[in-house]
Amino acid sequence: MTEKMDAHLTLSEKIYNLIVESILKKEVKPGERLTELELAKKYGISRTPIREAFRKLQTEGFIKVIPRKGAIVAEITEERIVEFYEVKGVLEAYAGKLALKYITDKDIQDLERINNELEKIALSNSKEEIKKFIDIHNQFHERFVEISRNKVLIETLKNLVQKYSKFRIMVAYSTMLIDIVNEHKEIIEAFIKKDEKLVEEKIIKNSNFGINILKRYYLHR
């Protein structure tokens, strides 16, 4: 008997979502093997979309593909979570301080518009919208980093977040989305006040929020 999947997504997207959800719910555990053949039988489809889903999962760090062993669910360690969020927090806080030199009312409006879109999704309580929420969430952070005008910083943060994108995905699946929106509101308010110390404080606080959520839901259970 095959499992039901969302009709509006491509097959590979459906498989990707199902595997991510099974990892987040700990139905499959770190170190456990995922095989194309077994998943193809489980969902009643060919192996091609599963292979495509595996590529995305590998890029985001959810799985590791080991020669002669296949796909293995990647381990999640407290050390790596803390390292990622501490580095991201410091770099984004620096970007925020640089952005204060250039930020305009239009930039503030852009940040508010993006966060308003996030708030609509958060208040809808629609599980199907989480992927959209994550994409827009990324836009919020990218927007204030871009305002810094530091190309090396922008590129460094983009590569860092992309490499560890699974952590942002895991946070979105594990907390009330409105809490993320409220974190952003505090950052916007700090930009409006043009308070360098407050901007740094709120951005670091936002990174610590990610650490605390992941510790609570994936490490200390």
C-alpha atoms as a PDB file:
ATOM      1  CA  MET A   1       0.000   0.000   0.000  1.00  0.00           C
ATOM      2  CA  THR A   2       1.517   3.308  -1.055  1.00  0.00           C
ATOM      3  CA  GLU A   3       1.502   6.450   1.086  1.00  0.00           C
ATOM      4  CA  LYS A   4      -0.470   9.538   0.031  1.00  0.00           C
ATOM      5  CA  MET A   5       1.564  12.485  -1.244  1.00  0.00           C
ATOM      6  CA  ASP A   6       0.700  16.134  -2.081  1.00  0.00           C
ATOM      7  CA  ALA A   7      -0.622  16.407  -5.628  1.00  0.00           C
ATOM      8  CA  HIS A   8       0.818  19.839  -6.501  1.00  0.00           C
ATOM      9  CA  LEU A   9       4.472  18.834  -5.991  1.00  0.00           C
ATOM     10  CA  THR A  10       6.807  16.967  -8.323  1.00  0.00           C
ATOM     11  CA  LEU A  11       7.547  13.362  -7.393  1.00  0.00           C
ATOM     12  CA  SER A  12      11.074  14.188  -6.255  1.00  0.00           C
ATOM     13  CA  GLU A  13       9.752  17.053  -4.067  1.00  0.00           C
ATOM     14  CA  LYS A  14       7.177  14.741  -2.515  1.00  0.00           C
ATOM     15  CA  ILE A  15       9.811  12.133  -1.722  1.00  0.00           C
ATOM     16  CA  TYR A  16      12.152  14.810  -0.371  1.00  0.00           C
ATOM     17  CA  ASN A  17       9.428  16.113   1.981  1.00  0.00           C
ATOM     18  CA  LEU A  18       8.525  12.624   3.190  1.00  0.00           C
ATOM     19  CA  ILE A  19      12.140  11.707   3.931  1.00  0.00           C
ATOM     20  CA  VAL A  20      12.832  15.008   5.714  1.00  0.00           C
ATOM     21  CA  GLU A  21       9.725  14.553   7.835  1.00  0.00           C
ATOM     22  CA  SER A  22      10.724  10.991   8.731  1.00  0.00           C
ATOM     23  CA  ILE A  23      14.198  12.221   9.761  1.00  0.00           C
ATOM     24  CA  LEU A  24      12.783  15.086  11.834  1.00  0.00           C
ATOM     25  CA  LYS A  25      10.307  12.767  13.550  1.00  0.00           C
ATOM     26  CA  LYS A  26      13.181  10.342  14.187  1.00  0.00           C
ATOM     27  CA  GLU A  27      11.367   7.577  12.327  1.00  0.00           C
ATOM     28  CA  VAL A  28      14.721   7.036  10.645  1.00  0.00           C
ATOM     29  CA  LYS A  29      17.755   7.622  12.826  1.00  0.00           C
ATOM     30  CA  PRO A  30      21.307   8.893  12.242  1.00  0.00           C
ATOM     31  CA  GLY A  31      23.433   6.181  10.675  1.00  0.00           C
ATOM     32  CA  GLU A  32      20.420   4.368   9.253  1.00  0.00           C
ATOM     33  CA  ARG A  33      20.603   3.400   5.588  1.00  0.00           C
ATOM     34  CA  LEU A  34      18.098   4.632   2.996  1.00  0.00           C
ATOM     35  CA  THR A  35      17.847   2.636  -0.210  1.00  0.00           C
ATOM     36  CA  GLU A  36      16.330   3.674  -3.511  1.00  0.00           C
ATOM     37  CA  LEU A  37      14.822   0.231  -4.040  1.00  0.00           C
ATOM     38  CA  GLU A  38      13.028   0.073  -0.685  1.00  0.00           C
ATOM     39  CA  LEU A  39      11.653   3.606  -1.035  1.00  0.00           C
ATOM     40  CA  ALA A  40      10.531   2.910  -4.606  1.00  0.00           C
ATOM     41  CA  LYS A  41       8.563  -0.081  -3.348  1.00  0.00           C
ATOM     42  CA  LYS A  42       7.188   1.841  -0.371  1.00  0.00           C
ATOM     43  CA  TYR A  43       5.822   4.707  -2.457  1.00  0.00           C
ATOM     44  CA  GLY A  44       5.054   2.751  -5.624  1.00  0.00           C
ATOM     45  CA  ILE A  45       7.234   4.840  -7.929  1.00  0.00           C
ATOM     46  CA  SER A  46      10.409   4.532 -10.005  1.00  0.00           C
ATOM     47  CA  ARG A  47      13.870   5.126  -8.553  1.00  0.00           C
ATOM     48  CA  THR A  48      14.558   8.298 -10.598  1.00  0.00           C
ATOM     49  CA  PRO A  49      12.656  10.799  -8.369  1.00  0.00           C
ATOM     50  CA  ILE A  50      14.154   9.134  -5.296  1.00  0.00           C
ATOM     51  CA  ARG A  51      17.632   9.641  -6.728  1.00  0.00           C
ATOM     52  CA  GLU A  52      16.790  13.319  -7.357  1.00  0.00           C
ATOM     53  CA  ALA A  53      15.503  13.702  -3.791  1.00  0.00           C
ATOM     54  CA  PHE A  54      18.699  12.091  -2.464  1.00  0.00           C
ATOM     55  CA  ARG A  55      20.808  14.680  -4.306  1.00  0.00           C
ATOM     56  CA  LYS A  56      18.946  17.526  -2.611  1.00  0.00           C
ATOM     57  CA  LEU A  57      19.078  15.811   0.783  1.00  0.00           C
ATOM     58  CA  GLN A  58      22.822  15.336   0.377  1.00  0.00           C
ATOM     59  CA  THR A  59      23.343  18.983  -0.596  1.00  0.00           C
ATOM     60  CA  GLU A  60      21.451  20.116   2.506  1.00  0.00           C
ATOM     61  CA  GLY A  61      23.331  17.722   4.766  1.00  0.00           C
ATOM     62  CA  PHE A  62      20.453  15.442   5.754  1.00  0.00           C
ATOM     63  CA  ILE A  63      22.157  12.386   4.285  1.00  0.00           C
ATOM     64  CA  LYS A  64      25.649  11.262   3.330  1.00  0.00           C
ATOM     65  CA  VAL A  65      26.212   9.084   0.280  1.00  0.00           C
ATOM     66  CA  ILE A  66      28.969   6.567   0.976  1.00  0.00           C
ATOM     67  CA  PRO A  67      30.491   4.446  -1.816  1.00  0.00           C
ATOM     68  CA  ARG A  68      29.236   0.814  -1.740  1.00  0.00           C
ATOM     69  CA  LYS A  69      26.955   1.655   1.200  1.00  0.00           C
ATOM     70  CA  GLY A  70      24.545   4.145  -0.329  1.00  0.00           C
ATOM     71  CA  ALA A  71      22.633   6.889   1.477  1.00  0.00           C
ATOM     72  CA  ILE A  72      23.085   7.156   5.250  1.00  0.00           C
ATOM     73  CA  VAL A  73      21.147   9.557   7.503  1.00  0.00           C
ATOM     74  CA  ALA A  74      23.673  12.126   8.747  1.00  0.00           C
ATOM     75  CA  GLU A  75      24.411  12.534  12.430  1.00  0.00           C
ATOM     76  CA  ILE A  76      23.353  15.739  14.187  1.00  0.00           C
ATOM     77  CA  THR A  77      25.798  16.865  16.880  1.00  0.00           C
ATOM     78  CA  GLU A  78      25.502  19.642  19.436  1.00  0.00           C
ATOM     79  CA  GLU A  79      29.015  20.786  18.570  1.00  0.00           C
ATOM     80  CA  ARG A  80      28.156  21.356  14.904  1.00  0.00           C
ATOM     81  CA  ILE A  81      24.870  23.112  15.728  1.00  0.00           C
ATOM     82  CA  VAL A  82      26.573  25.506  18.144  1.00  0.00           C
ATOM     83  CA  GLU A  83      29.514  26.151  15.800  1.00  0.00           C
ATOM     84  CA  PHE A  84      27.199  26.975  12.891  1.00  0.00           C
ATOM     85  CA  TYR A  85      24.901  29.325  14.789  1.00  0.00           C
ATOM     86  CA  GLU A  86      27.712  31.067  16.653  1.00  0.00           C
ATOM     87  CA  VAL A  87      29.596  31.788  13.416  1.00  0.00           C
ATOM     88  CA  LYS A  88      26.400  32.777  11.584  1.00  0.00           C
ATOM     89  CA  GLY A  89      25.407  35.035  14.470  1.00  0.00           C
ATOM     90  CA  VAL A  90      28.743  36.861  14.560  1.00  0.00           C
ATOM     91  CA  LEU A  91      28.833  37.345  10.775  1.00  0.00           C
ATOM     92  CA  GLU A  92      25.208  38.471  10.547  1.00  0.00           C
ATOM     93  CA  ALA A  93      25.665  40.837  13.487  1.00  0.00           C
ATOM     94  CA  TYR A  94      28.640  42.390  11.717  1.00  0.00           C
ATOM     95  CA  ALA A  95      26.572  42.643   8.526  1.00  0.00           C
ATOM     96  CA  GLY A  96      23.818  44.310  10.533  1.00  0.00           C
ATOM     97  CA  LYS A  97      26.213  46.914  11.941  1.00  0.00           C
ATOM     98  CA  LEU A  98      27.569  47.636   8.458  1.00  0.00           C
ATOM     99  CA  ALA A  99      24.024  47.858   7.104  1.00  0.00           C
ATOM    100  CA  LEU A 100      23.254  50.710   9.517  1.00  0.00           C
ATOM    101  CA  LYS A 101      25.539  52.939   7.416  1.00  0.00           C
ATOM    102  CA  TYR A 102      23.414  52.442   4.317  1.00  0.00           C
ATOM    103  CA  ILE A 103      19.930  51.335   5.357  1.00  0.00           C
ATOM    104  CA  THR A 104      17.057  53.437   4.024  1.00  0.00           C
ATOM    105  CA  ASP A 105      13.353  53.674   4.786  1.00  0.00           C
ATOM    106  CA  LYS A 106      12.765  51.608   1.622  1.00  0.00           C
ATOM    107  CA  ASP A 107      15.053  48.880   2.989  1.00  0.00           C
ATOM    108  CA  ILE A 108      13.125  48.861   6.271  1.00  0.00           C
ATOM    109  CA  GLN A 109       9.880  48.569   4.309  1.00  0.00           C
ATOM    110  CA  ASP A 110      11.327  45.613   2.379  1.00  0.00           C
ATOM    111  CA  LEU A 111      12.214  43.831   5.620  1.00  0.00           C
ATOM    112  CA  GLU A 112       8.743  44.522   7.021  1.00  0.00           C
ATOM    113  CA  ARG A 113       7.077  43.293   3.810  1.00  0.00           C
ATOM    114  CA  ILE A 114       9.070  40.047   3.862  1.00  0.00           C
ATOM    115  CA  ASN A 115       8.302  39.500   7.536  1.00  0.00           C
ATOM    116  CA  ASN A 116       4.604  40.229   6.957  1.00  0.00           C
ATOM    117  CA  GLU A 117       4.565  37.440   4.363  1.00  0.00           C
ATOM    118  CA  LEU A 118       6.106  35.135   6.962  1.00  0.00           C
ATOM    119  CA  GLU A 119       3.501  36.195   9.506  1.00  0.00           C
ATOM    120  CA  LYS A 120       0.618  35.331   7.146  1.00  0.00           C
ATOM    121  CA  ILE A 121       2.022  31.830   6.672  1.00  0.00           C
ATOM    122  CA  ALA A 122       2.698  31.437  10.392  1.00  0.00           C
ATOM    123  CA  LEU A 123      -0.871  32.416  11.304  1.00  0.00           C
ATOM    124  CA  SER A 124      -2.351  30.089   8.673  1.00  0.00           C
ATOM    125  CA  ASN A 125      -0.943  27.066  10.559  1.00  0.00           C
ATOM    126  CA  SER A 126      -0.616  25.303   7.201  1.00  0.00           C
ATOM    127  CA  LYS A 127       1.923  22.507   7.286  1.00  0.00           C
ATOM    128  CA  GLU A 128       2.061  22.544   3.477  1.00  0.00           C
ATOM    129  CA  GLU A 129       3.391  26.130   3.583  1.00  0.00           C
ATOM    130  CA  ILE A 130       6.508  25.383   5.660  1.00  0.00           C
ATOM    131  CA  LYS A 131       8.716  25.080   2.553  1.00  0.00           C
ATOM    132  CA  LYS A 132       7.496  28.497   1.371  1.00  0.00           C
ATOM    133  CA  PHE A 133       8.098  29.888   4.863  1.00  0.00           C
ATOM    134  CA  ILE A 134      11.692  28.633   4.835  1.00  0.00           C
ATOM    135  CA  ASP A 135      12.369  30.216   1.419  1.00  0.00           C
ATOM    136  CA  ILE A 136      10.983  33.600   2.528  1.00  0.00           C
ATOM    137  CA  HIS A 137      12.796  33.277   5.861  1.00  0.00           C
ATOM    138  CA  ASN A 138      16.040  33.015   3.900  1.00  0.00           C
ATOM    139  CA  GLN A 139      15.085  36.163   1.969  1.00  0.00           C
ATOM    140  CA  PHE A 140      14.724  38.123   5.206  1.00  0.00           C
ATOM    141  CA  HIS A 141      18.249  37.329   6.376  1.00  0.00           C
ATOM    142  CA  GLU A 142      19.737  37.751   2.906  1.00  0.00           C
ATOM    143  CA  ARG A 143      18.084  41.169   2.577  1.00  0.00           C
ATOM    144  CA  PHE A 144      19.682  42.835   5.600  1.00  0.00           C
ATOM    145  CA  VAL A 145      23.030  41.174   4.845  1.00  0.00           C
ATOM    146  CA  GLU A 146      22.906  42.585   1.292  1.00  0.00           C
ATOM    147  CA  ILE A 147      22.405  46.080   2.710  1.00  0.00           C
ATOM    148  CA  SER A 148      25.879  45.801   4.291  1.00  0.00           C
ATOM    149  CA  ARG A 149      27.366  46.082   0.746  1.00  0.00           C
ATOM    150  CA  ASN A 150      30.266  43.838   1.798  1.00  0.00           C
ATOM    151  CA  LYS A 151      30.507  41.348  -1.060  1.00  0.00           C
ATOM    152  CA  VAL A 152      32.868  38.946   0.723  1.00  0.00           C
ATOM    153  CA  LEU A 153      30.602  38.893   3.773  1.00  0.00           C
ATOM    154  CA  ILE A 154      27.503  38.360   1.623  1.00  0.00           C
ATOM    155  CA  GLU A 155      29.127  35.466  -0.250  1.00  0.00           C
ATOM    156  CA  THR A 156      30.543  33.895   2.923  1.00  0.00           C
ATOM    157  CA  LEU A 157      27.184  33.904   4.675  1.00  0.00           C
ATOM    158  CA  LYS A 158      25.375  32.601   1.609  1.00  0.00           C
ATOM    159  CA  ASN A 159      27.755  29.631   1.350  1.00  0.00           C
ATOM    160  CA  LEU A 160      27.626  28.956   5.099  1.00  0.00           C
ATOM    161  CA  VAL A 161      23.830  28.966   5.288  1.00  0.00           C
ATOM    162  CA  GLN A 162      23.527  26.843   2.162  1.00  0.00           C
ATOM    163  CA  LYS A 163      25.920  24.240   3.542  1.00  0.00           C
ATOM    164  CA  TYR A 164      23.988  23.960   6.801  1.00  0.00           C
ATOM    165  CA  SER A 165      20.505  24.708   5.446  1.00  0.00           C
ATOM    166  CA  LYS A 166      19.156  21.607   7.193  1.00  0.00           C
ATOM    167  CA  PHE A 167      19.405  23.423  10.538  1.00  0.00           C
ATOM    168  CA  ARG A 168      17.100  26.243   9.395  1.00  0.00           C
ATOM    169  CA  ILE A 169      14.700  23.658   7.965  1.00  0.00           C
ATOM    170  CA  MET A 170      14.756  21.709  11.244  1.00  0.00           C
ATOM    171  CA  VAL A 171      14.018  24.854  13.260  1.00  0.00           C
ATOM    172  CA  ALA A 172      11.022  25.701  11.046  1.00  0.00           C
ATOM    173  CA  TYR A 173       9.611  22.205  11.528  1.00  0.00           C
ATOM    174  CA  SER A 174      10.196  22.262  15.285  1.00  0.00           C
ATOM    175  CA  THR A 175       8.859  25.561  16.621  1.00  0.00           C
ATOM    176  CA  MET A 176       5.878  27.868  16.372  1.00  0.00           C
ATOM    177  CA  LEU A 177       6.553  29.823  13.192  1.00  0.00           C
ATOM    178  CA  ILE A 178       5.183  32.983  14.782  1.00  0.00           C
ATOM    179  CA  ASP A 179       8.136  32.878  17.214  1.00  0.00           C
ATOM    180  CA  ILE A 180      10.508  33.274  14.247  1.00  0.00           C
ATOM    181  CA  VAL A 181       8.420  36.185  12.956  1.00  0.00           C
ATOM    182  CA  ASN A 182       8.614  37.897  16.353  1.00  0.00           C
ATOM    183  CA  GLU A 183      12.394  37.443  16.416  1.00  0.00           C
ATOM    184  CA  HIS A 184      12.537  39.263  13.077  1.00  0.00           C
ATOM    185  CA  LYS A 185      10.322  42.067  14.364  1.00  0.00           C
ATOM    186  CA  GLU A 186      12.871  42.749  17.096  1.00  0.00           C
ATOM    187  CA  ILE A 187      15.661  42.946  14.494  1.00  0.00           C
ATOM    188  CA  ILE A 188      13.621  45.351  12.347  1.00  0.00           C
ATOM    189  CA  GLU A 189      12.870  47.533  15.375  1.00  0.00           C
ATOM    190  CA  ALA A 190      16.598  47.718  16.138  1.00  0.00           C
ATOM    191  CA  PHE A 191      17.271  48.849  12.555  1.00  0.00           C
ATOM    192  CA  ILE A 192      14.543  51.492  12.822  1.00  0.00           C
ATOM    193  CA  LYS A 193      16.191  52.832  15.992  1.00  0.00           C
ATOM    194  CA  LYS A 194      19.590  52.743  14.203  1.00  0.00           C
ATOM    195  CA  ASP A 195      21.057  51.384  17.425  1.00  0.00           C
ATOM    196  CA  GLU A 196      24.251  49.466  16.601  1.00  0.00           C
ATOM    197  CA  LYS A 197      24.455  47.680  19.947  1.00  0.00           C
ATOM    198  CA  LEU A 198      20.771  46.695  19.786  1.00  0.00           C
ATOM    199  CA  VAL A 199      21.091  45.407  16.207  1.00  0.00           C
ATOM    200  CA  GLU A 200      24.006  43.205  17.242  1.00  0.00           C
ATOM    201  CA  GLU A 201      22.166  42.005  20.348  1.00  0.00           C
ATOM    202  CA  LYS A 202      18.957  41.071  18.486  1.00  0.00           C
ATOM    203  CA  ILE A 203      20.759  39.246  15.657  1.00  0.00           C
ATOM    204  CA  ILE A 204      22.861  37.235  18.128  1.00  0.00           C
ATOM    205  CA  LYS A 205      19.677  36.504  20.099  1.00  0.00           C
ATOM    206  CA  ASN A 206      18.085  35.191  16.910  1.00  0.00           C
ATOM    207  CA  SER A 207      21.008  32.803  16.349  1.00  0.00           C
ATOM    208  CA  ASN A 208      20.793  31.589  19.938  1.00  0.00           C
ATOM    209  CA  PHE A 209      17.092  30.928  19.336  1.00  0.00           C
ATOM    210  CA  GLY A 210      18.094  28.418  16.642  1.00  0.00           C
ATOM    211  CA  ILE A 211      20.591  26.712  18.960  1.00  0.00           C
ATOM    212  CA  ASN A 212      18.036  26.373  21.757  1.00  0.00           C
ATOM    213  CA  ILE A 213      15.312  24.949  19.487  1.00  0.00           C
ATOM    214  CA  LEU A 214      17.596  22.302  18.007  1.00  0.00           C
ATOM    215  CA  LYS A 215      19.023  21.320  21.382  1.00  0.00           C
ATOM    216  CA  ARG A 216      15.533  20.944  22.816  1.00  0.00           C
ATOM    217  CA  TYR A 217      13.996  18.959  19.993  1.00  0.00           C
ATOM    218  CA  TYR A 218      16.877  16.900  18.596  1.00  0.00           C
ATOM    219  CA  LEU A 219      19.509  16.466  21.268  1.00  0.00           C
ATOM    220  CA  HIS A 220      17.904  16.529  24.701  1.00  0.00           C
ATOM    221  CA  ARG A 221      14.942  14.227  24.151  1.00  0.00           C
END
